[in-house]
C-alpha atoms as a PDB file:
ATOM      1  CA  UNK A   1      -0.290  -3.544  12.340  1.00  0.00           C
ATOM      2  CA  UNK A   2       2.955  -3.660  10.344  1.00  0.00           C
ATOM      3  CA  UNK A   3       6.013  -3.759  12.207  1.00  0.00           C
ATOM      4  CA  UNK A   4       7.743  -0.592  11.075  1.00  0.00           C
ATOM      5  CA  UNK A   5      11.129  -2.271  10.271  1.00  0.00           C
ATOM      6  CA  UNK A   6       9.413  -4.290   7.056  1.00  0.00           C
ATOM      7  CA  UNK A   7       7.290  -1.177   6.120  1.00  0.00           C
ATOM      8  CA  UNK A   8      11.073   0.256   5.698  1.00  0.00           C
ATOM      9  CA  UNK A   9      12.432  -2.450   3.516  1.00  0.00           C
ATOM     10  CA  UNK A  10       8.931  -2.887   0.908  1.00  0.00           C
ATOM     11  CA  UNK A  11       8.501  -1.389  -1.625  1.00  0.00           C
ATOM     12  CA  UNK A  12       6.505  -1.208  -4.663  1.00  0.00           C
ATOM     13  CA  UNK A  13       6.106  -4.686  -6.874  1.00  0.00           C
ATOM     14  CA  UNK A  14       5.323  -2.570  -9.994  1.00  0.00           C
ATOM     15  CA  UNK A  15       6.696   1.382  -9.731  1.00  0.00           C
ATOM     16  CA  UNK A  16       9.319   0.073  -6.688  1.00  0.00           C
ATOM     17  CA  UNK A  17       8.537   3.543  -4.943  1.00  0.00           C
ATOM     18  CA  UNK A  18       7.336   4.260  -1.409  1.00  0.00           C
ATOM     19  CA  UNK A  19       4.392   2.393   0.676  1.00  0.00           C
ATOM     20  CA  UNK A  20       1.914   3.906   2.375  1.00  0.00           C
ATOM     21  CA  UNK A  21       0.158   1.619   5.067  1.00  0.00           C
ATOM     22  CA  UNK A  22      -3.244   3.085   5.890  1.00  0.00           C
ATOM     23  CA  UNK A  23      -3.771   1.591   9.417  1.00  0.00           C
ATOM     24  CA  UNK A  24      -7.177   2.099   9.007  1.00  0.00           C
ATOM     25  CA  UNK A  25      -8.400   0.610   5.898  1.00  0.00           C
ATOM     26  CA  UNK A  26      -5.118  -1.944   6.305  1.00  0.00           C
ATOM     27  CA  UNK A  27      -3.821  -1.498   3.103  1.00  0.00           C
ATOM     28  CA  UNK A  28      -0.469  -0.303   1.314  1.00  0.00           C
ATOM     29  CA  UNK A  29      -1.134   2.536  -0.801  1.00  0.00           C
ATOM     30  CA  UNK A  30       0.626   3.350  -4.499  1.00  0.00           C
ATOM     31  CA  UNK A  31       0.429   6.577  -4.887  1.00  0.00           C
ATOM     32  CA  UNK A  32       2.569   6.217  -8.215  1.00  0.00           C
ATOM     33  CA  UNK A  33       0.142   3.657 -10.023  1.00  0.00           C
ATOM     34  CA  UNK A  34      -2.722   4.673  -7.294  1.00  0.00           C
ATOM     35  CA  UNK A  35      -3.079   1.409  -5.902  1.00  0.00           C
ATOM     36  CA  UNK A  36      -3.548  -0.057  -2.268  1.00  0.00           C
ATOM     37  CA  UNK A  37      -1.813  -3.951  -1.561  1.00  0.00           C
ATOM     38  CA  UNK A  38      -4.463  -5.441   1.005  1.00  0.00           C
ATOM     39  CA  UNK A  39      -2.568  -6.542   4.542  1.00  0.00           C
ATOM     40  CA  UNK A  40      -4.163  -9.791   5.503  1.00  0.00           C
ATOM     41  CA  UNK A  41      -2.883 -11.075   9.392  1.00  0.00           C
ATOM     42  CA  UNK A  42      -0.099  -9.048   9.446  1.00  0.00           C
ATOM     43  CA  UNK A  43       0.899 -10.194   5.520  1.00  0.00           C
ATOM     44  CA  UNK A  44       1.211  -7.678   3.266  1.00  0.00           C
ATOM     45  CA  UNK A  45      -0.648  -9.224  -0.543  1.00  0.00           C
ATOM     46  CA  UNK A  46       1.767  -7.521  -2.547  1.00  0.00           C
ATOM     47  CA  UNK A  47      -0.357  -8.701  -5.693  1.00  0.00           C
ATOM     48  CA  UNK A  48      -1.324  -6.473  -8.814  1.00  0.00           C
ATOM     49  CA  UNK A  49      -4.270  -9.331  -8.705  1.00  0.00           C
ATOM     50  CA  UNK A  50      -5.464  -8.070  -5.182  1.00  0.00           C
ATOM     51  CA  UNK A  51      -4.870  -4.701  -5.202  1.00  0.00           C
ATOM     52  CA  UNK A  52      -7.448  -2.507  -5.814  1.00  0.00           C
ATOM     53  CA  UNK A  53      -7.253   1.153  -7.864  1.00  0.00           C
ATOM     54  CA  UNK A  54      -7.916   3.885  -5.666  1.00  0.00           C
ATOM     55  CA  UNK A  55      -9.301   7.593  -6.344  1.00  0.00           C
ATOM     56  CA  UNK A  56      -8.010  10.610  -6.036  1.00  0.00           C
ATOM     57  CA  UNK A  57      -9.663  11.201  -3.633  1.00  0.00           C
ATOM     58  CA  UNK A  58      -7.489   9.071  -1.698  1.00  0.00           C
ATOM     59  CA  UNK A  59      -4.562   9.847  -2.930  1.00  0.00           C
ATOM     60  CA  UNK A  60      -5.429  13.625  -2.094  1.00  0.00           C
ATOM     61  CA  UNK A  61      -5.183  12.237   1.452  1.00  0.00           C
ATOM     62  CA  UNK A  62      -1.164  11.392   1.205  1.00  0.00           C
ATOM     63  CA  UNK A  63      -0.295  14.684   0.222  1.00  0.00           C
END
């Protein structure tokens, strides 16, 4: 689990926008870029090459 204070500081490395934490999949999700950045051992991996594209259905969960 990520620290709440850390979540308020983190931003998408591409668009600098807001990130949403998906506890189930352990990912930080950017809705603008439709990318999910993995969280490994409690550490966010904020690299575009390690991110995965999210589907439209996944994006709608956060609306």
